[in-house]
N, C-alpha and C. Protein backbone atom coordinates (compact mmCIF):
# COMPACT_ATOMS: atom_id res chain seq x y z
N MET A 1 -125.41 -229.66 -78.09
CA MET A 1 -126.16 -230.72 -77.46
C MET A 1 -126.24 -231.88 -78.44
N ALA A 2 -125.80 -233.04 -78.03
CA ALA A 2 -125.80 -234.23 -78.88
C ALA A 2 -127.19 -234.86 -78.90
N LYS A 3 -127.54 -235.43 -80.04
CA LYS A 3 -128.82 -236.12 -80.13
C LYS A 3 -128.74 -237.46 -79.41
N ARG A 4 -129.86 -237.94 -78.99
CA ARG A 4 -129.91 -239.26 -78.37
C ARG A 4 -129.81 -240.32 -79.46
N PRO A 5 -129.19 -241.47 -79.15
CA PRO A 5 -129.07 -242.51 -80.18
C PRO A 5 -130.43 -243.10 -80.55
N ARG A 6 -130.58 -243.45 -81.81
CA ARG A 6 -131.84 -244.03 -82.28
C ARG A 6 -131.89 -245.53 -82.00
N ASP A 7 -130.74 -246.16 -81.89
CA ASP A 7 -130.69 -247.58 -81.61
C ASP A 7 -131.15 -247.81 -80.16
N LEU A 8 -132.10 -248.73 -79.98
CA LEU A 8 -132.67 -248.93 -78.64
C LEU A 8 -131.64 -249.42 -77.63
N ASN A 9 -130.71 -250.27 -78.05
CA ASN A 9 -129.70 -250.77 -77.12
C ASN A 9 -128.78 -249.64 -76.66
N GLN A 10 -128.38 -248.79 -77.59
CA GLN A 10 -127.52 -247.67 -77.23
C GLN A 10 -128.27 -246.68 -76.34
N LEU A 11 -129.55 -246.45 -76.64
CA LEU A 11 -130.36 -245.56 -75.83
C LEU A 11 -130.52 -246.11 -74.41
N ALA A 12 -130.75 -247.40 -74.30
CA ALA A 12 -130.89 -248.03 -72.98
C ALA A 12 -129.61 -247.87 -72.17
N LYS A 13 -128.47 -248.07 -72.81
CA LYS A 13 -127.19 -247.91 -72.12
C LYS A 13 -127.01 -246.46 -71.67
N LEU A 14 -127.38 -245.52 -72.52
CA LEU A 14 -127.27 -244.11 -72.15
C LEU A 14 -128.15 -243.79 -70.94
N VAL A 15 -129.36 -244.33 -70.92
CA VAL A 15 -130.27 -244.09 -69.80
C VAL A 15 -129.68 -244.64 -68.51
N VAL A 16 -129.12 -245.83 -68.58
CA VAL A 16 -128.49 -246.43 -67.39
C VAL A 16 -127.29 -245.60 -66.95
N ASP A 17 -126.49 -245.15 -67.91
CA ASP A 17 -125.32 -244.33 -67.57
C ASP A 17 -125.75 -243.01 -66.91
N ILE A 18 -126.82 -242.40 -67.41
CA ILE A 18 -127.31 -241.16 -66.82
C ILE A 18 -127.83 -241.43 -65.41
N ALA A 19 -128.58 -242.52 -65.24
CA ALA A 19 -129.15 -242.85 -63.93
C ALA A 19 -128.06 -243.16 -62.91
N SER A 20 -126.98 -243.80 -63.35
CA SER A 20 -125.91 -244.16 -62.42
C SER A 20 -124.93 -243.02 -62.19
N GLY A 21 -125.07 -241.93 -62.95
CA GLY A 21 -124.21 -240.77 -62.75
C GLY A 21 -122.91 -240.82 -63.53
N GLU A 22 -122.73 -241.81 -64.39
CA GLU A 22 -121.50 -241.91 -65.17
C GLU A 22 -121.46 -240.85 -66.27
N VAL A 23 -122.63 -240.46 -66.78
CA VAL A 23 -122.72 -239.48 -67.85
C VAL A 23 -123.74 -238.43 -67.42
N GLU A 24 -123.48 -237.17 -67.77
CA GLU A 24 -124.43 -236.11 -67.45
C GLU A 24 -125.46 -235.99 -68.57
N ASP A 25 -126.71 -235.78 -68.18
CA ASP A 25 -127.78 -235.63 -69.15
C ASP A 25 -127.56 -234.35 -69.95
N THR A 26 -127.71 -234.43 -71.28
CA THR A 26 -127.42 -233.28 -72.13
C THR A 26 -128.65 -232.46 -72.47
N VAL A 27 -129.83 -232.88 -72.07
CA VAL A 27 -131.03 -232.12 -72.36
C VAL A 27 -131.08 -230.96 -71.38
N SER A 28 -131.20 -229.76 -71.90
CA SER A 28 -131.14 -228.59 -71.03
C SER A 28 -132.43 -228.46 -70.22
N PRO A 29 -132.33 -227.95 -68.99
CA PRO A 29 -133.54 -227.76 -68.17
C PRO A 29 -134.52 -226.80 -68.83
N ARG A 30 -134.02 -225.85 -69.61
CA ARG A 30 -134.91 -224.90 -70.28
C ARG A 30 -135.82 -225.63 -71.25
N LEU A 31 -135.30 -226.60 -71.98
CA LEU A 31 -136.12 -227.35 -72.92
C LEU A 31 -137.16 -228.20 -72.20
N ARG A 32 -136.79 -228.79 -71.08
CA ARG A 32 -137.74 -229.59 -70.31
C ARG A 32 -138.87 -228.71 -69.80
N ALA A 33 -138.54 -227.52 -69.29
CA ALA A 33 -139.55 -226.61 -68.75
C ALA A 33 -140.48 -226.12 -69.86
N THR A 34 -139.91 -225.84 -71.01
CA THR A 34 -140.72 -225.35 -72.12
C THR A 34 -141.76 -226.39 -72.52
N GLY A 35 -141.38 -227.64 -72.55
CA GLY A 35 -142.32 -228.70 -72.92
C GLY A 35 -143.45 -228.83 -71.92
N SER A 36 -143.15 -228.73 -70.64
CA SER A 36 -144.20 -228.87 -69.64
C SER A 36 -145.15 -227.69 -69.67
N VAL A 37 -144.63 -226.51 -69.94
CA VAL A 37 -145.50 -225.32 -70.02
C VAL A 37 -146.42 -225.44 -71.22
N ARG A 38 -145.86 -225.87 -72.35
CA ARG A 38 -146.69 -226.02 -73.54
C ARG A 38 -147.75 -227.08 -73.34
N GLY A 39 -147.40 -228.18 -72.67
CA GLY A 39 -148.38 -229.23 -72.42
C GLY A 39 -149.50 -228.76 -71.52
N ARG A 40 -149.16 -227.99 -70.51
CA ARG A 40 -150.18 -227.46 -69.60
C ARG A 40 -151.10 -226.48 -70.33
N ALA A 41 -150.54 -225.65 -71.18
CA ALA A 41 -151.34 -224.68 -71.91
C ALA A 41 -152.35 -225.40 -72.81
N GLY A 42 -151.93 -226.47 -73.44
CA GLY A 42 -152.85 -227.23 -74.28
C GLY A 42 -153.95 -227.88 -73.46
N GLY A 43 -153.61 -228.36 -72.27
CA GLY A 43 -154.61 -228.97 -71.42
C GLY A 43 -155.64 -227.98 -70.92
N ILE A 44 -155.19 -226.78 -70.63
CA ILE A 44 -156.11 -225.75 -70.16
C ILE A 44 -157.08 -225.36 -71.26
N LYS A 45 -156.56 -225.21 -72.48
CA LYS A 45 -157.42 -224.83 -73.60
C LYS A 45 -158.34 -225.97 -74.01
N GLY A 46 -157.88 -227.21 -73.83
CA GLY A 46 -158.62 -228.37 -74.32
C GLY A 46 -159.99 -228.55 -73.68
N GLY A 47 -160.09 -228.32 -72.38
CA GLY A 47 -161.37 -228.50 -71.70
C GLY A 47 -162.41 -227.51 -72.18
N ALA A 48 -162.00 -226.27 -72.35
CA ALA A 48 -162.95 -225.25 -72.82
C ALA A 48 -163.37 -225.52 -74.27
N ALA A 49 -162.41 -225.94 -75.08
CA ALA A 49 -162.73 -226.23 -76.49
C ALA A 49 -163.68 -227.42 -76.59
N ARG A 50 -163.45 -228.42 -75.74
CA ARG A 50 -164.33 -229.59 -75.77
C ARG A 50 -165.74 -229.21 -75.32
N ALA A 51 -165.84 -228.41 -74.27
CA ALA A 51 -167.15 -228.00 -73.77
C ALA A 51 -167.90 -227.17 -74.81
N ALA A 52 -167.18 -226.34 -75.53
CA ALA A 52 -167.83 -225.51 -76.55
C ALA A 52 -168.33 -226.36 -77.71
N ALA A 53 -167.67 -227.48 -77.97
CA ALA A 53 -168.05 -228.33 -79.10
C ALA A 53 -169.21 -229.26 -78.76
N LEU A 54 -169.49 -229.48 -77.47
CA LEU A 54 -170.55 -230.40 -77.08
C LEU A 54 -171.91 -229.70 -77.06
N SER A 55 -172.93 -230.49 -77.34
CA SER A 55 -174.28 -229.95 -77.24
C SER A 55 -174.71 -229.99 -75.77
N VAL A 56 -175.79 -229.33 -75.46
CA VAL A 56 -176.31 -229.30 -74.09
C VAL A 56 -176.64 -230.72 -73.63
N GLU A 57 -177.24 -231.51 -74.49
CA GLU A 57 -177.61 -232.88 -74.14
C GLU A 57 -176.37 -233.74 -73.86
N GLU A 58 -175.32 -233.57 -74.67
CA GLU A 58 -174.09 -234.34 -74.44
C GLU A 58 -173.44 -233.93 -73.12
N ARG A 59 -173.40 -232.63 -72.84
CA ARG A 59 -172.84 -232.18 -71.56
C ARG A 59 -173.63 -232.70 -70.39
N ARG A 60 -174.95 -232.73 -70.50
CA ARG A 60 -175.81 -233.24 -69.44
C ARG A 60 -175.53 -234.72 -69.19
N THR A 61 -175.39 -235.50 -70.25
CA THR A 61 -175.10 -236.94 -70.11
C THR A 61 -173.76 -237.16 -69.43
N ILE A 62 -172.76 -236.40 -69.84
CA ILE A 62 -171.43 -236.53 -69.23
C ILE A 62 -171.49 -236.17 -67.76
N ALA A 63 -172.20 -235.10 -67.42
CA ALA A 63 -172.32 -234.67 -66.03
C ALA A 63 -173.04 -235.71 -65.18
N LYS A 64 -174.10 -236.31 -65.73
CA LYS A 64 -174.83 -237.35 -64.99
C LYS A 64 -173.94 -238.56 -64.73
N ASN A 65 -173.19 -238.97 -65.74
CA ASN A 65 -172.28 -240.12 -65.56
C ASN A 65 -171.22 -239.81 -64.52
N ALA A 66 -170.70 -238.59 -64.52
CA ALA A 66 -169.68 -238.21 -63.54
C ALA A 66 -170.27 -238.22 -62.13
N ALA A 67 -171.48 -237.68 -61.98
CA ALA A 67 -172.11 -237.65 -60.66
C ALA A 67 -172.41 -239.06 -60.16
N ASN A 68 -172.89 -239.92 -61.06
CA ASN A 68 -173.16 -241.31 -60.67
C ASN A 68 -171.88 -242.01 -60.23
N SER A 69 -170.79 -241.79 -60.94
CA SER A 69 -169.52 -242.41 -60.57
C SER A 69 -169.02 -241.87 -59.24
N ARG A 70 -169.20 -240.57 -59.04
CA ARG A 70 -168.71 -239.93 -57.82
C ARG A 70 -169.49 -240.37 -56.59
N TRP A 71 -170.79 -240.57 -56.72
CA TRP A 71 -171.63 -240.82 -55.56
C TRP A 71 -172.16 -242.25 -55.46
N ARG A 72 -171.63 -243.16 -56.25
CA ARG A 72 -172.14 -244.54 -56.19
C ARG A 72 -171.84 -245.15 -54.83
N THR A 73 -172.67 -246.09 -54.42
CA THR A 73 -172.52 -246.70 -53.10
C THR A 73 -172.46 -248.22 -53.22
N ASP A 74 -171.60 -248.72 -54.09
CA ASP A 74 -171.48 -250.16 -54.27
C ASP A 74 -170.37 -250.76 -53.41
N GLY A 75 -169.98 -250.03 -52.36
CA GLY A 75 -168.97 -250.55 -51.44
C GLY A 75 -167.56 -250.13 -51.79
N LYS A 76 -167.37 -249.50 -52.93
CA LYS A 76 -166.03 -249.07 -53.30
C LYS A 76 -165.76 -247.72 -52.66
N THR A 77 -164.50 -247.52 -52.27
CA THR A 77 -164.13 -246.24 -51.67
C THR A 77 -163.82 -245.24 -52.77
N ARG A 78 -164.02 -243.97 -52.44
CA ARG A 78 -163.73 -242.91 -53.41
C ARG A 78 -162.30 -242.59 -53.42
């Protein structure tokens, strides 16, 4: 698998060539899937870690702000 060019002009040309079908993309689907799975795993862990790090008062403030944003009636649609 060849590396992508570091020069922005060459990279832009490669992207256009891939989009137009002149060149096949060399990044394997396995690598793309691995990245998305790892990103999702971090996101799932992140919420719990953040909640554990917050105090009760901080969580209460965040919850109140969220409820106010969700139920405000200033004419904006949800």
